[in-house]
Amino acid sequence: MIKKNNKIGRGVIDLQIQALRKLKKSIGQSFNDAVDLLSKCQSKVILCGVGKSGLIASKISATLSSVGIPSFNLSASDSSHGDLGSISKKDILIILSYSGNTDELRNLIEYANRNRIKLIGIMSKKNSILSNNSNIKLLIPEVKESGYGIVPTSSTTAQLAIGDALAISLMYQKKFKKIDFKKFHPSGNLGKKLRTVEDLMLKNKRIPFVEENSSLSRAIKIINNKKLGVAIIRNKKGETTGIFTDGDIKRTIQKKSNIKNLMIKSFMTRNPISVDKDILAAKAVSIMNEKKITSLCVYKKSNQKKTIGILHIHSLIDANIF
């Protein structure tokens, strides 16, 4: 029985692989036209399908929303009972139907055509109702289904794949980057991975600033008060000129018996390692590990000489970035 089950399972997957290979070959000008149209959408992208296609439509809609394309899934049956009013003339409608002749979609297709709402149809039949009434036709190949050839499996895999292809192509065309993706995924493991230095840095009064003409004893006092094991040294212009750490204190005391009148700028480490506020926190961890340090100065791209925050290893540990 185990061998038979394994054989059936592999057969299902083989049929889906074949469907995807056919789909890959079908990507052409109409796909490019669909991406261009969607990228210019001034309102929402609305997905709709019936049955299994409806479930795929819901997933595609969620993927589009996650990459910054406002989208929602519309129930085909509800659209005929008042929900057509949720579609505006600036929206773009994507309808999925493997046959292209699903009766429940007729009212929706007619409404889109009557109100000149742009319609992208995803179907396998060239001469179907959906194909004949779509502004852009995305023909997916006719495929062999699993389960006596009647269970929607290979066809829904193809629908899902074309939806993912549209979403990712749009993401690149609209220059949607990791930093943008983070805005829509603030929680969970993905949110942690996409956290930036700015999310975790200490700023304002929590930064242990010391003027470069201050005494060494003044710098030590600030290091002890801020409890970060480091002081950021800056000049009269507010530009960062150096850094002084707990380790520097120990080495200085070993060399100098009286530090009362010594100036911090004579002992600081110049040109401290700094990072842009927008880099991923994970990248900052990599820099810390490579340089064997526990703190990084943070700046804005517009002014690399001015420290706007300090990223400490404790903040990274607390955020579980390691």
C-alpha atoms as a PDB file:
ATOM      1  CA  MET A   1       0.000   0.000   0.000  1.00  0.00           C
ATOM      2  CA  ILE A   2       2.882   2.367   0.817  1.00  0.00           C
ATOM      3  CA  LYS A   3       4.429   1.823  -2.620  1.00  0.00           C
ATOM      4  CA  LYS A   4       1.073   2.426  -4.285  1.00  0.00           C
ATOM      5  CA  ASN A   5       0.541   5.680  -2.340  1.00  0.00           C
ATOM      6  CA  ASN A   6       4.018   6.888  -3.191  1.00  0.00           C
ATOM      7  CA  LYS A   7       3.422   6.142  -6.858  1.00  0.00           C
ATOM      8  CA  ILE A   8       0.140   8.072  -6.828  1.00  0.00           C
ATOM      9  CA  GLY A   9       1.759  10.994  -5.010  1.00  0.00           C
ATOM     10  CA  ARG A  10       4.631  11.193  -7.488  1.00  0.00           C
ATOM     11  CA  GLY A  11       2.153  10.978 -10.351  1.00  0.00           C
ATOM     12  CA  VAL A  12       0.212  13.983  -9.022  1.00  0.00           C
ATOM     13  CA  ILE A  13       3.410  16.001  -8.740  1.00  0.00           C
ATOM     14  CA  ASP A  14       4.568  14.916 -12.210  1.00  0.00           C
ATOM     15  CA  LEU A  15       1.336  16.224 -13.735  1.00  0.00           C
ATOM     16  CA  GLN A  16       1.807  19.551 -11.966  1.00  0.00           C
ATOM     17  CA  ILE A  17       5.410  19.798 -13.137  1.00  0.00           C
ATOM     18  CA  GLN A  18       4.218  19.208 -16.699  1.00  0.00           C
ATOM     19  CA  ALA A  19       1.605  21.945 -16.250  1.00  0.00           C
ATOM     20  CA  LEU A  20       4.230  24.398 -15.042  1.00  0.00           C
ATOM     21  CA  ARG A  21       6.538  23.603 -17.955  1.00  0.00           C
ATOM     22  CA  LYS A  22       3.721  24.332 -20.390  1.00  0.00           C
ATOM     23  CA  LEU A  23       2.875  27.516 -18.494  1.00  0.00           C
ATOM     24  CA  LYS A  24       6.473  28.719 -18.632  1.00  0.00           C
ATOM     25  CA  LYS A  25       6.470  28.432 -22.426  1.00  0.00           C
ATOM     26  CA  SER A  26       3.230  30.409 -22.640  1.00  0.00           C
ATOM     27  CA  ILE A  27       4.637  33.545 -20.966  1.00  0.00           C
ATOM     28  CA  GLY A  28       4.776  36.232 -23.635  1.00  0.00           C
ATOM     29  CA  GLN A  29       3.507  39.650 -24.720  1.00  0.00           C
ATOM     30  CA  SER A  30       0.139  39.351 -22.985  1.00  0.00           C
ATOM     31  CA  PHE A  31       1.901  38.718 -19.662  1.00  0.00           C
ATOM     32  CA  ASN A  32       4.025  41.822 -20.190  1.00  0.00           C
ATOM     33  CA  ASP A  33       0.893  43.828 -21.055  1.00  0.00           C
ATOM     34  CA  ALA A  34      -0.787  42.633 -17.857  1.00  0.00           C
ATOM     35  CA  VAL A  35       2.179  43.690 -15.700  1.00  0.00           C
ATOM     36  CA  ASP A  36       2.266  47.123 -17.360  1.00  0.00           C
ATOM     37  CA  LEU A  37      -1.459  47.628 -16.847  1.00  0.00           C
ATOM     38  CA  LEU A  38      -1.348  46.556 -13.202  1.00  0.00           C
ATOM     39  CA  SER A  39       1.665  48.774 -12.484  1.00  0.00           C
ATOM     40  CA  LYS A  40      -0.364  51.804 -13.594  1.00  0.00           C
ATOM     41  CA  CYS A  41      -3.417  50.952 -11.491  1.00  0.00           C
ATOM     42  CA  GLN A  42      -4.619  54.070  -9.642  1.00  0.00           C
ATOM     43  CA  SER A  43      -6.916  52.201  -7.295  1.00  0.00           C
ATOM     44  CA  LYS A  44      -7.323  48.520  -6.348  1.00  0.00           C
ATOM     45  CA  VAL A  45      -6.688  45.183  -8.039  1.00  0.00           C
ATOM     46  CA  ILE A  46      -9.703  42.921  -7.504  1.00  0.00           C
ATOM     47  CA  LEU A  47      -9.464  39.152  -7.867  1.00  0.00           C
ATOM     48  CA  CYS A  48     -12.377  36.814  -8.435  1.00  0.00           C
ATOM     49  CA  GLY A  49     -12.934  33.144  -9.189  1.00  0.00           C
ATOM     50  CA  VAL A  50     -15.353  30.346  -8.391  1.00  0.00           C
ATOM     51  CA  GLY A  51     -14.658  27.215  -6.350  1.00  0.00           C
ATOM     52  CA  LYS A  52     -10.983  26.218  -6.298  1.00  0.00           C
ATOM     53  CA  SER A  53     -10.198  29.134  -8.621  1.00  0.00           C
ATOM     54  CA  GLY A  54     -11.747  31.416  -6.015  1.00  0.00           C
ATOM     55  CA  LEU A  55      -9.339  30.113  -3.381  1.00  0.00           C
ATOM     56  CA  ILE A  56      -6.412  30.734  -5.725  1.00  0.00           C
ATOM     57  CA  ALA A  57      -7.748  34.237  -6.409  1.00  0.00           C
ATOM     58  CA  SER A  58      -7.740  34.910  -2.664  1.00  0.00           C
ATOM     59  CA  LYS A  59      -4.116  33.838  -2.354  1.00  0.00           C
ATOM     60  CA  ILE A  60      -3.001  35.951  -5.334  1.00  0.00           C
ATOM     61  CA  SER A  61      -4.798  38.956  -3.861  1.00  0.00           C
ATOM     62  CA  ALA A  62      -2.996  38.476  -0.537  1.00  0.00           C
ATOM     63  CA  THR A  63       0.366  38.246  -2.319  1.00  0.00           C
ATOM     64  CA  LEU A  64      -0.298  41.452  -4.260  1.00  0.00           C
ATOM     65  CA  SER A  65      -1.216  43.295  -1.060  1.00  0.00           C
ATOM     66  CA  SER A  66       1.968  42.049   0.619  1.00  0.00           C
ATOM     67  CA  VAL A  67       4.104  43.701  -2.078  1.00  0.00           C
ATOM     68  CA  GLY A  68       2.328  47.041  -1.898  1.00  0.00           C
ATOM     69  CA  ILE A  69      -0.432  46.547  -4.501  1.00  0.00           C
ATOM     70  CA  PRO A  70      -3.820  47.315  -2.834  1.00  0.00           C
ATOM     71  CA  SER A  71      -5.972  44.281  -3.553  1.00  0.00           C
ATOM     72  CA  PHE A  72      -8.923  42.263  -2.308  1.00  0.00           C
ATOM     73  CA  ASN A  73     -10.756  39.097  -3.257  1.00  0.00           C
ATOM     74  CA  LEU A  74     -14.387  39.369  -4.364  1.00  0.00           C
ATOM     75  CA  SER A  75     -16.861  36.527  -3.972  1.00  0.00           C
ATOM     76  CA  ALA A  76     -18.469  35.693  -7.316  1.00  0.00           C
ATOM     77  CA  SER A  77     -21.825  34.890  -5.733  1.00  0.00           C
ATOM     78  CA  ASP A  78     -21.825  37.985  -3.496  1.00  0.00           C
ATOM     79  CA  SER A  79     -20.961  40.216  -6.458  1.00  0.00           C
ATOM     80  CA  SER A  80     -24.370  39.395  -7.944  1.00  0.00           C
ATOM     81  CA  HIS A  81     -26.082  40.412  -4.715  1.00  0.00           C
ATOM     82  CA  GLY A  82     -24.812  43.937  -4.130  1.00  0.00           C
ATOM     83  CA  ASP A  83     -21.027  43.632  -3.964  1.00  0.00           C
ATOM     84  CA  LEU A  84     -20.545  44.917  -7.518  1.00  0.00           C
ATOM     85  CA  GLY A  85     -20.770  48.331  -5.896  1.00  0.00           C
ATOM     86  CA  SER A  86     -17.351  47.751  -4.314  1.00  0.00           C
ATOM     87  CA  ILE A  87     -15.711  47.978  -7.760  1.00  0.00           C
ATOM     88  CA  SER A  88     -14.790  51.440  -9.045  1.00  0.00           C
ATOM     89  CA  LYS A  89     -13.943  52.454 -12.601  1.00  0.00           C
ATOM     90  CA  LYS A  90     -10.290  52.944 -11.664  1.00  0.00           C
ATOM     91  CA  ASP A  91      -9.966  49.387 -10.361  1.00  0.00           C
ATOM     92  CA  ILE A  92      -8.523  46.524 -12.374  1.00  0.00           C
ATOM     93  CA  LEU A  93     -10.348  43.219 -12.294  1.00  0.00           C
ATOM     94  CA  ILE A  94      -8.604  39.849 -12.584  1.00  0.00           C
ATOM     95  CA  ILE A  95     -10.922  36.882 -13.117  1.00  0.00           C
ATOM     96  CA  LEU A  96      -9.733  33.276 -12.932  1.00  0.00           C
ATOM     97  CA  SER A  97     -11.669  30.462 -14.586  1.00  0.00           C
ATOM     98  CA  TYR A  98     -10.011  27.409 -16.065  1.00  0.00           C
ATOM     99  CA  SER A  99     -12.794  26.900 -18.609  1.00  0.00           C
ATOM    100  CA  GLY A 100     -13.542  30.606 -18.993  1.00  0.00           C
ATOM    101  CA  ASN A 101     -17.255  29.771 -19.156  1.00  0.00           C
ATOM    102  CA  THR A 102     -18.222  29.665 -15.467  1.00  0.00           C
ATOM    103  CA  ASP A 103     -21.851  30.816 -15.220  1.00  0.00           C
ATOM    104  CA  GLU A 104     -21.413  32.556 -11.836  1.00  0.00           C
ATOM    105  CA  LEU A 105     -18.958  35.003 -13.447  1.00  0.00           C
ATOM    106  CA  ARG A 106     -21.222  36.246 -16.243  1.00  0.00           C
ATOM    107  CA  ASN A 107     -22.757  39.122 -14.281  1.00  0.00           C
ATOM    108  CA  LEU A 108     -19.324  40.283 -13.139  1.00  0.00           C
ATOM    109  CA  ILE A 109     -17.894  40.166 -16.672  1.00  0.00           C
ATOM    110  CA  GLU A 110     -20.891  42.081 -18.069  1.00  0.00           C
ATOM    111  CA  TYR A 111     -20.607  44.708 -15.300  1.00  0.00           C
ATOM    112  CA  ALA A 112     -16.894  45.231 -16.035  1.00  0.00           C
ATOM    113  CA  ASN A 113     -17.512  45.641 -19.774  1.00  0.00           C
ATOM    114  CA  ARG A 114     -20.507  47.931 -19.288  1.00  0.00           C
ATOM    115  CA  ASN A 115     -18.540  50.250 -16.968  1.00  0.00           C
ATOM    116  CA  ARG A 116     -15.278  50.037 -18.930  1.00  0.00           C
ATOM    117  CA  ILE A 117     -13.422  48.479 -16.038  1.00  0.00           C
ATOM    118  CA  LYS A 118     -10.162  46.941 -17.220  1.00  0.00           C
ATOM    119  CA  LEU A 119     -10.396  43.159 -17.107  1.00  0.00           C
ATOM    120  CA  ILE A 120      -7.555  40.631 -17.126  1.00  0.00           C
ATOM    121  CA  GLY A 121      -8.810  37.127 -17.758  1.00  0.00           C
ATOM    122  CA  ILE A 122      -6.891  33.993 -16.783  1.00  0.00           C
ATOM    123  CA  MET A 123      -8.334  30.933 -18.526  1.00  0.00           C
ATOM    124  CA  SER A 124      -7.427  28.038 -20.845  1.00  0.00           C
ATOM    125  CA  LYS A 125     -10.153  28.346 -23.531  1.00  0.00           C
ATOM    126  CA  LYS A 126      -9.525  30.877 -26.313  1.00  0.00           C
ATOM    127  CA  ASN A 127     -13.149  31.217 -27.378  1.00  0.00           C
ATOM    128  CA  SER A 128     -14.674  31.307 -23.920  1.00  0.00           C
ATOM    129  CA  ILE A 129     -16.880  34.058 -22.501  1.00  0.00           C
ATOM    130  CA  LEU A 130     -14.039  35.275 -20.276  1.00  0.00           C
ATOM    131  CA  SER A 131     -11.507  35.302 -23.093  1.00  0.00           C
ATOM    132  CA  ASN A 132     -13.818  37.138 -25.503  1.00  0.00           C
ATOM    133  CA  ASN A 133     -14.575  39.873 -22.956  1.00  0.00           C
ATOM    134  CA  SER A 134     -11.132  40.447 -21.422  1.00  0.00           C
ATOM    135  CA  ASN A 135      -8.927  43.439 -22.204  1.00  0.00           C
ATOM    136  CA  ILE A 136      -5.891  41.242 -21.623  1.00  0.00           C
ATOM    137  CA  LYS A 137      -6.037  37.479 -22.012  1.00  0.00           C
ATOM    138  CA  LEU A 138      -3.626  35.299 -20.044  1.00  0.00           C
ATOM    139  CA  LEU A 139      -4.107  31.868 -21.537  1.00  0.00           C
ATOM    140  CA  ILE A 140      -2.842  29.082 -19.342  1.00  0.00           C
ATOM    141  CA  PRO A 141      -2.291  25.749 -21.102  1.00  0.00           C
ATOM    142  CA  GLU A 142      -4.857  22.999 -20.991  1.00  0.00           C
ATOM    143  CA  VAL A 143      -3.511  20.426 -18.554  1.00  0.00           C
ATOM    144  CA  LYS A 144      -4.254  16.959 -17.275  1.00  0.00           C
ATOM    145  CA  GLU A 145      -5.810  16.937 -13.826  1.00  0.00           C
ATOM    146  CA  SER A 146      -5.159  14.281 -11.178  1.00  0.00           C
ATOM    147  CA  GLY A 147      -7.788  11.965  -9.682  1.00  0.00           C
ATOM    148  CA  TYR A 148      -9.327  10.382 -12.787  1.00  0.00           C
ATOM    149  CA  GLY A 149      -8.624  13.627 -14.608  1.00  0.00           C
ATOM    150  CA  ILE A 150     -11.387  15.537 -12.810  1.00  0.00           C
ATOM    151  CA  VAL A 151      -9.932  17.004  -9.587  1.00  0.00           C
ATOM    152  CA  PRO A 152      -8.665  20.610 -10.021  1.00  0.00           C
ATOM    153  CA  THR A 153      -4.971  20.175  -9.222  1.00  0.00           C
ATOM    154  CA  SER A 154      -2.706  20.851 -12.192  1.00  0.00           C
ATOM    155  CA  SER A 155      -4.924  23.739 -13.317  1.00  0.00           C
ATOM    156  CA  THR A 156      -4.928  25.433  -9.908  1.00  0.00           C
ATOM    157  CA  THR A 157      -1.148  25.012  -9.691  1.00  0.00           C
ATOM    158  CA  ALA A 158      -0.846  26.834 -13.015  1.00  0.00           C
ATOM    159  CA  GLN A 159      -3.218  29.581 -11.830  1.00  0.00           C
ATOM    160  CA  LEU A 160      -1.259  30.059  -8.632  1.00  0.00           C
ATOM    161  CA  ALA A 161       2.040  30.191 -10.501  1.00  0.00           C
ATOM    162  CA  ILE A 162       0.832  32.810 -12.990  1.00  0.00           C
ATOM    163  CA  GLY A 163      -0.470  34.884 -10.081  1.00  0.00           C
ATOM    164  CA  ASP A 164       2.858  34.691  -8.269  1.00  0.00           C
ATOM    165  CA  ALA A 165       4.665  35.590 -11.498  1.00  0.00           C
ATOM    166  CA  LEU A 166       2.498  38.688 -11.901  1.00  0.00           C
ATOM    167  CA  ALA A 167       3.043  39.769  -8.283  1.00  0.00           C
ATOM    168  CA  ILE A 168       6.829  39.396  -8.358  1.00  0.00           C
ATOM    169  CA  SER A 169       7.128  41.064 -11.769  1.00  0.00           C
ATOM    170  CA  LEU A 170       5.095  43.973 -10.405  1.00  0.00           C
ATOM    171  CA  MET A 171       7.311  44.132  -7.341  1.00  0.00           C
ATOM    172  CA  TYR A 172      10.388  44.641  -9.500  1.00  0.00           C
ATOM    173  CA  GLN A 173       8.688  47.025 -11.948  1.00  0.00           C
ATOM    174  CA  LYS A 174       7.515  49.266  -9.105  1.00  0.00           C
ATOM    175  CA  LYS A 175      10.955  49.020  -7.456  1.00  0.00           C
ATOM    176  CA  PHE A 176       9.460  47.566  -4.295  1.00  0.00           C
ATOM    177  CA  LYS A 177      12.430  46.665  -2.070  1.00  0.00           C
ATOM    178  CA  LYS A 178      13.078  44.806   1.180  1.00  0.00           C
ATOM    179  CA  ILE A 179      12.715  47.978   3.191  1.00  0.00           C
ATOM    180  CA  ASP A 180       9.225  48.470   1.688  1.00  0.00           C
ATOM    181  CA  PHE A 181       8.303  44.828   2.236  1.00  0.00           C
ATOM    182  CA  LYS A 182       9.023  45.237   5.937  1.00  0.00           C
ATOM    183  CA  LYS A 183       6.205  47.789   6.297  1.00  0.00           C
ATOM    184  CA  PHE A 184       3.630  45.118   5.493  1.00  0.00           C
ATOM    185  CA  HIS A 185       5.264  42.359   7.587  1.00  0.00           C
ATOM    186  CA  PRO A 186       6.049  43.897  11.008  1.00  0.00           C
ATOM    187  CA  SER A 187       5.570  40.662  12.974  1.00  0.00           C
ATOM    188  CA  GLY A 188       6.855  37.098  12.961  1.00  0.00           C
ATOM    189  CA  ASN A 189      10.170  35.723  11.744  1.00  0.00           C
ATOM    190  CA  LEU A 190       9.944  37.631   8.475  1.00  0.00           C
ATOM    191  CA  GLY A 191       9.490  40.882  10.357  1.00  0.00           C
ATOM    192  CA  LYS A 192      12.585  40.150  12.438  1.00  0.00           C
ATOM    193  CA  LYS A 193      14.672  39.426   9.355  1.00  0.00           C
ATOM    194  CA  LEU A 194      13.615  42.700   7.765  1.00  0.00           C
ATOM    195  CA  ARG A 195      14.246  44.940  10.760  1.00  0.00           C
ATOM    196  CA  THR A 196      16.603  47.798  10.018  1.00  0.00           C
ATOM    197  CA  VAL A 197      19.267  49.482  12.097  1.00  0.00           C
ATOM    198  CA  GLU A 198      16.924  52.433  12.597  1.00  0.00           C
ATOM    199  CA  ASP A 199      14.368  50.123  14.227  1.00  0.00           C
ATOM    200  CA  LEU A 200      16.821  49.094  16.948  1.00  0.00           C
ATOM    201  CA  MET A 201      19.256  51.972  17.400  1.00  0.00           C
ATOM    202  CA  LEU A 202      19.391  54.148  20.519  1.00  0.00           C
ATOM    203  CA  LYS A 203      18.910  57.833  19.791  1.00  0.00           C
ATOM    204  CA  ASN A 204      18.628  61.339  21.199  1.00  0.00           C
ATOM    205  CA  LYS A 205      19.577  61.502  24.910  1.00  0.00           C
ATOM    206  CA  ARG A 206      20.498  57.814  24.993  1.00  0.00           C
ATOM    207  CA  ILE A 207      23.522  58.415  22.759  1.00  0.00           C
ATOM    208  CA  PRO A 208      26.682  58.787  24.909  1.00  0.00           C
ATOM    209  CA  PHE A 209      28.036  61.933  23.233  1.00  0.00           C
ATOM    210  CA  VAL A 210      31.227  63.598  24.508  1.00  0.00           C
ATOM    211  CA  GLU A 211      32.758  66.779  23.103  1.00  0.00           C
ATOM    212  CA  GLU A 212      36.285  66.158  21.812  1.00  0.00           C
ATOM    213  CA  ASN A 213      37.765  68.921  24.003  1.00  0.00           C
ATOM    214  CA  SER A 214      36.374  67.321  27.153  1.00  0.00           C
ATOM    215  CA  SER A 215      38.571  65.713  29.769  1.00  0.00           C
ATOM    216  CA  LEU A 216      39.181  61.985  29.883  1.00  0.00           C
ATOM    217  CA  SER A 217      37.523  61.813  33.288  1.00  0.00           C
ATOM    218  CA  ARG A 218      34.400  63.468  31.816  1.00  0.00           C
ATOM    219  CA  ALA A 219      34.239  60.804  29.098  1.00  0.00           C
ATOM    220  CA  ILE A 220      34.589  58.003  31.669  1.00  0.00           C
ATOM    221  CA  LYS A 221      31.762  59.480  33.702  1.00  0.00           C
ATOM    222  CA  ILE A 222      29.438  59.525  30.654  1.00  0.00           C
ATOM    223  CA  ILE A 223      30.395  55.948  29.741  1.00  0.00           C
ATOM    224  CA  ASN A 224      29.510  54.829  33.267  1.00  0.00           C
ATOM    225  CA  ASN A 225      26.216  56.758  33.281  1.00  0.00           C
ATOM    226  CA  LYS A 226      24.994  55.549  29.879  1.00  0.00           C
ATOM    227  CA  LYS A 227      26.026  51.940  30.602  1.00  0.00           C
ATOM    228  CA  LEU A 228      26.870  51.114  26.982  1.00  0.00           C
ATOM    229  CA  GLY A 229      30.607  50.738  27.423  1.00  0.00           C
ATOM    230  CA  VAL A 230      31.314  53.402  24.822  1.00  0.00           C
ATOM    231  CA  ALA A 231      31.371  57.170  24.206  1.00  0.00           C
ATOM    232  CA  ILE A 232      30.883  58.859  20.832  1.00  0.00           C
ATOM    233  CA  ILE A 233      33.255  61.791  20.422  1.00  0.00           C
ATOM    234  CA  ARG A 234      32.197  64.802  18.317  1.00  0.00           C
ATOM    235  CA  ASN A 235      33.514  68.254  17.440  1.00  0.00           C
ATOM    236  CA  LYS A 236      31.882  71.680  17.722  1.00  0.00           C
ATOM    237  CA  LYS A 237      30.073  71.132  14.412  1.00  0.00           C
ATOM    238  CA  GLY A 238      28.388  68.023  15.794  1.00  0.00           C
ATOM    239  CA  GLU A 239      30.439  65.767  13.523  1.00  0.00           C
ATOM    240  CA  THR A 240      31.637  62.427  14.890  1.00  0.00           C
ATOM    241  CA  THR A 241      35.401  62.382  15.172  1.00  0.00           C
ATOM    242  CA  GLY A 242      36.085  59.297  17.284  1.00  0.00           C
ATOM    243  CA  ILE A 243      35.005  56.655  19.753  1.00  0.00           C
ATOM    244  CA  PHE A 244      36.218  55.697  23.224  1.00  0.00           C
ATOM    245  CA  THR A 245      35.392  52.368  24.880  1.00  0.00           C
ATOM    246  CA  ASP A 246      35.692  50.507  28.184  1.00  0.00           C
ATOM    247  CA  GLY A 247      38.696  48.751  26.761  1.00  0.00           C
ATOM    248  CA  ASP A 248      40.346  52.085  25.952  1.00  0.00           C
ATOM    249  CA  ILE A 249      39.814  53.178  29.570  1.00  0.00           C
ATOM    250  CA  LYS A 250      41.683  50.151  30.921  1.00  0.00           C
ATOM    251  CA  ARG A 251      44.561  50.560  28.482  1.00  0.00           C
ATOM    252  CA  THR A 252      44.861  54.293  29.225  1.00  0.00           C
ATOM    253  CA  ILE A 253      44.879  53.841  33.011  1.00  0.00           C
ATOM    254  CA  GLN A 254      47.629  51.234  32.678  1.00  0.00           C
ATOM    255  CA  LYS A 255      49.781  53.775  30.843  1.00  0.00           C
ATOM    256  CA  LYS A 256      48.858  56.952  32.740  1.00  0.00           C
ATOM    257  CA  SER A 257      48.763  57.199  36.516  1.00  0.00           C
ATOM    258  CA  ASN A 258      46.986  60.586  36.543  1.00  0.00           C
ATOM    259  CA  ILE A 259      44.176  61.051  33.989  1.00  0.00           C
ATOM    260  CA  LYS A 260      42.530  64.094  35.550  1.00  0.00           C
ATOM    261  CA  ASN A 261      43.866  66.674  33.069  1.00  0.00           C
ATOM    262  CA  LEU A 262      44.108  64.467  29.992  1.00  0.00           C
ATOM    263  CA  MET A 263      41.933  65.303  26.923  1.00  0.00           C
ATOM    264  CA  ILE A 264      39.707  62.651  25.355  1.00  0.00           C
ATOM    265  CA  LYS A 265      40.689  63.547  21.781  1.00  0.00           C
ATOM    266  CA  SER A 266      44.244  62.400  22.494  1.00  0.00           C
ATOM    267  CA  PHE A 267      43.105  58.874  23.304  1.00  0.00           C
ATOM    268  CA  MET A 268      39.995  58.253  21.207  1.00  0.00           C
ATOM    269  CA  THR A 269      39.934  55.922  18.210  1.00  0.00           C
ATOM    270  CA  ARG A 270      39.413  58.037  15.123  1.00  0.00           C
ATOM    271  CA  ASN A 271      37.059  57.227  12.220  1.00  0.00           C
ATOM    272  CA  PRO A 272      34.775  54.833  14.088  1.00  0.00           C
ATOM    273  CA  ILE A 273      32.886  52.194  12.082  1.00  0.00           C
ATOM    274  CA  SER A 274      29.503  53.578  11.076  1.00  0.00           C
ATOM    275  CA  VAL A 275      26.483  52.251   9.174  1.00  0.00           C
ATOM    276  CA  ASP A 276      23.486  53.723   7.387  1.00  0.00           C
ATOM    277  CA  LYS A 277      20.222  53.678   9.330  1.00  0.00           C
ATOM    278  CA  ASP A 278      18.435  51.822   6.519  1.00  0.00           C
ATOM    279  CA  ILE A 279      20.604  48.700   6.321  1.00  0.00           C
ATOM    280  CA  LEU A 280      19.180  45.478   7.733  1.00  0.00           C
ATOM    281  CA  ALA A 281      19.995  44.764  11.360  1.00  0.00           C
ATOM    282  CA  ALA A 282      21.233  41.321  10.268  1.00  0.00           C
ATOM    283  CA  LYS A 283      23.861  43.053   8.105  1.00  0.00           C
ATOM    284  CA  ALA A 284      24.935  45.127  11.102  1.00  0.00           C
ATOM    285  CA  VAL A 285      25.422  41.916  13.092  1.00  0.00           C
ATOM    286  CA  SER A 286      27.692  40.629  10.358  1.00  0.00           C
ATOM    287  CA  ILE A 287      29.786  43.813  10.523  1.00  0.00           C
ATOM    288  CA  MET A 288      30.063  43.584  14.316  1.00  0.00           C
ATOM    289  CA  ASN A 289      31.184  39.960  14.144  1.00  0.00           C
ATOM    290  CA  GLU A 290      33.732  40.697  11.440  1.00  0.00           C
ATOM    291  CA  LYS A 291      35.203  43.728  13.234  1.00  0.00           C
ATOM    292  CA  LYS A 292      34.844  42.156  16.715  1.00  0.00           C
ATOM    293  CA  ILE A 293      33.049  45.210  18.133  1.00  0.00           C
ATOM    294  CA  THR A 294      29.877  45.697  20.187  1.00  0.00           C
ATOM    295  CA  SER A 295      28.633  49.085  18.950  1.00  0.00           C
ATOM    296  CA  LEU A 296      28.139  50.905  15.681  1.00  0.00           C
ATOM    297  CA  CYS A 297      27.584  54.590  14.989  1.00  0.00           C
ATOM    298  CA  VAL A 298      24.540  55.217  12.809  1.00  0.00           C
ATOM    299  CA  TYR A 299      24.161  57.967  10.205  1.00  0.00           C
ATOM    300  CA  LYS A 300      21.814  59.115   7.444  1.00  0.00           C
ATOM    301  CA  LYS A 301      23.015  58.867   3.864  1.00  0.00           C
ATOM    302  CA  SER A 302      22.801  62.624   3.499  1.00  0.00           C
ATOM    303  CA  ASN A 303      25.343  63.226   6.278  1.00  0.00           C
ATOM    304  CA  GLN A 304      27.751  60.425   7.119  1.00  0.00           C
ATOM    305  CA  LYS A 305      29.752  62.620   9.496  1.00  0.00           C
ATOM    306  CA  LYS A 306      26.875  63.087  11.926  1.00  0.00           C
ATOM    307  CA  THR A 307      25.833  60.290  14.259  1.00  0.00           C
ATOM    308  CA  ILE A 308      22.049  60.072  14.716  1.00  0.00           C
ATOM    309  CA  GLY A 309      22.025  56.839  16.717  1.00  0.00           C
ATOM    310  CA  ILE A 310      24.071  54.063  18.215  1.00  0.00           C
ATOM    311  CA  LEU A 311      23.427  50.375  17.618  1.00  0.00           C
ATOM    312  CA  HIS A 312      24.481  48.265  20.581  1.00  0.00           C
ATOM    313  CA  ILE A 313      24.836  44.511  20.643  1.00  0.00           C
ATOM    314  CA  HIS A 314      22.383  44.289  23.548  1.00  0.00           C
ATOM    315  CA  SER A 315      19.597  45.750  21.358  1.00  0.00           C
ATOM    316  CA  LEU A 316      20.290  43.106  18.721  1.00  0.00           C
ATOM    317  CA  ILE A 317      20.246  40.303  21.284  1.00  0.00           C
ATOM    318  CA  ASP A 318      16.986  41.576  22.809  1.00  0.00           C
ATOM    319  CA  ALA A 319      15.413  41.643  19.346  1.00  0.00           C
ATOM    320  CA  ASN A 320      16.616  38.074  18.720  1.00  0.00           C
ATOM    321  CA  ILE A 321      18.415  39.118  15.554  1.00  0.00           C
ATOM    322  CA  PHE A 322      21.389  36.802  16.115  1.00  0.00           C
END
